Protein backbone atom coordinates (compact mmCIF):
# COMPACT_ATOMS: atom_id res chain seq x y z
CA MET A 1 62.19 -106.58 -54.19
CA GLU A 2 62.48 -104.97 -57.60
CA ASN A 3 60.84 -101.81 -56.31
CA LEU A 4 63.36 -101.65 -53.47
CA ILE A 5 66.25 -102.10 -55.91
CA ALA A 6 64.82 -99.41 -58.18
CA THR A 7 64.48 -97.04 -55.20
CA ILE A 8 68.09 -97.67 -54.13
CA LEU A 9 69.41 -97.03 -57.64
CA THR A 10 67.26 -93.93 -58.08
CA ARG A 11 68.44 -92.43 -54.79
CA CYS A 12 72.07 -93.20 -55.57
CA SER A 13 71.70 -91.61 -59.00
CA GLN A 14 70.15 -88.46 -57.55
CA GLY A 15 72.86 -88.16 -54.92
CA TYR A 16 75.66 -88.75 -57.39
CA ALA A 17 74.22 -86.34 -59.95
CA SER A 18 73.94 -83.65 -57.31
CA LEU A 19 77.47 -84.15 -56.00
CA ALA A 20 79.11 -84.46 -59.42
CA GLY A 21 77.04 -81.72 -61.06
CA THR A 22 75.95 -83.98 -63.89
CA ALA A 23 72.61 -84.72 -65.47
CA VAL A 24 70.90 -87.98 -64.53
CA ALA A 25 70.69 -88.86 -68.24
CA THR A 26 74.48 -88.52 -68.58
CA LEU A 27 74.90 -90.61 -65.48
CA GLY A 28 72.61 -93.30 -66.92
CA LYS A 29 74.76 -93.52 -70.03
CA LYS A 30 77.95 -93.84 -67.98
CA ALA A 31 76.71 -96.19 -65.25
CA ALA A 32 74.19 -98.34 -67.11
CA GLY A 33 74.91 -97.78 -70.78
CA ASP A 34 71.47 -96.20 -71.32
CA TRP A 35 70.70 -92.51 -70.86
CA ARG A 36 67.07 -93.40 -70.06
CA PHE A 37 67.94 -95.99 -67.40
CA PHE A 38 67.27 -93.91 -64.28
CA SER A 39 64.31 -92.01 -65.71
CA ASN A 40 62.73 -95.34 -66.69
CA LEU A 41 63.26 -96.68 -63.17
CA ALA A 42 61.58 -93.64 -61.66
CA ALA A 43 58.70 -93.58 -64.14
CA GLU A 44 57.71 -97.25 -64.22
CA GLU A 45 56.13 -98.58 -61.05
CA ASN A 46 56.80 -102.22 -61.86
CA LYS A 47 60.13 -101.87 -63.63
CA THR A 48 61.96 -105.15 -64.09
CA ILE A 49 65.66 -105.10 -63.30
CA THR A 50 68.08 -107.97 -63.01
CA LEU A 51 70.44 -108.42 -60.09
CA ARG A 52 73.28 -108.51 -62.62
CA LYS A 53 72.38 -105.00 -63.80
CA TYR A 54 71.93 -103.82 -60.20
CA ASP A 55 75.40 -105.14 -59.31
CA ALA A 56 76.92 -103.54 -62.40
CA VAL A 57 75.44 -100.11 -61.68
CA MET A 58 76.26 -100.27 -57.96
CA GLY A 59 79.80 -101.30 -58.92
CA TRP A 60 80.03 -98.25 -61.14
CA PHE A 61 78.84 -96.03 -58.27
CA ASP A 62 81.36 -97.65 -55.94
CA ALA A 63 84.25 -97.06 -58.33
CA ASN A 64 83.22 -93.53 -59.33
CA TRP A 65 81.65 -91.94 -56.26
CA PRO A 66 83.13 -88.44 -55.84
CA GLU A 67 86.08 -88.49 -53.44
CA ASN A 68 85.69 -86.76 -50.09
CA SER A 69 81.91 -87.03 -50.44
CA ARG A 70 79.68 -88.95 -48.10
CA ARG A 71 78.63 -92.26 -49.62
CA PRO A 72 75.07 -93.56 -49.26
CA LEU A 73 74.71 -96.35 -46.71
CA CYS A 74 73.13 -98.60 -49.33
CA LEU A 75 76.32 -98.34 -51.41
CA ASP A 76 78.49 -99.29 -48.44
CA ASP A 77 76.13 -102.17 -47.63
CA TRP A 78 76.39 -103.38 -51.23
CA LYS A 79 80.18 -103.23 -51.07
CA HIS A 80 80.27 -105.25 -47.83
CA VAL A 81 78.14 -107.95 -49.45
CA GLN A 82 80.47 -108.04 -52.47
CA GLN A 83 83.51 -108.38 -50.22
CA TRP A 84 81.84 -111.15 -48.20
CA GLN A 85 80.92 -113.07 -51.35
CA ALA A 86 84.49 -112.79 -52.63
CA THR A 87 85.86 -114.45 -49.48
CA HIS A 88 83.14 -117.05 -48.94
CA SER A 89 82.94 -119.17 -52.06
CA TYR A 90 80.77 -122.24 -52.19
CA SER A 91 82.19 -125.27 -53.93
CA GLY A 92 79.52 -127.91 -53.28
CA THR A 93 76.67 -129.04 -55.46
CA PRO A 94 73.24 -127.42 -55.33
CA GLN A 95 71.99 -130.52 -53.55
CA ASP A 96 74.49 -129.91 -50.75
CA MET A 97 72.89 -126.54 -50.09
CA TRP A 98 69.46 -128.04 -49.43
CA PRO A 99 68.66 -129.66 -46.10
CA ARG A 100 68.46 -133.43 -45.95
CA MET A 101 64.90 -134.57 -46.24
CA VAL A 102 63.12 -137.86 -46.11
CA ILE A 103 61.80 -138.90 -49.50
CA PRO A 104 58.10 -139.59 -49.09
CA ALA A 105 56.82 -143.01 -50.11
CA GLY A 106 56.21 -143.07 -53.85
CA ALA A 107 58.47 -140.07 -54.55
CA SER A 108 60.66 -140.07 -57.62
CA SER A 109 64.03 -141.75 -57.15
CA ASP A 110 65.72 -138.90 -59.01
CA SER A 111 64.89 -136.45 -56.23
CA PRO A 112 67.84 -134.26 -55.15
CA TYR A 113 67.14 -135.28 -51.55
CA GLN A 114 68.57 -138.39 -50.01
CA ALA A 115 66.39 -140.79 -48.12
CA GLU A 116 67.27 -141.46 -44.52
CA PRO A 117 68.22 -145.03 -43.82
CA ALA A 118 65.38 -147.32 -42.83
CA GLU A 119 65.47 -148.57 -39.27
């Protein structure tokens, strides 16, 4: 997944740099706070990147993409996900998100799963 994220960010950076007429290093400083950000992504095969950083950089691209220029599909996809998340909040507990399961005999009583009633 990290390689896919790195590829998306690298392609967005190349497209933006070409459209805006700016160097990728300058773009890295503006979008990610590090002039080496995009060159590091391209150079390191197993680069680690957090989803928080990915969202921050994609948010920067979304807010700063040159007007009247075609946006990459991955940027539009990212924006749709952000809009969906903003309108679909989850207010339950983490246990509510997991399916109900039967606690096996001898399982810990502090399991997040609830036992089904005995018949």
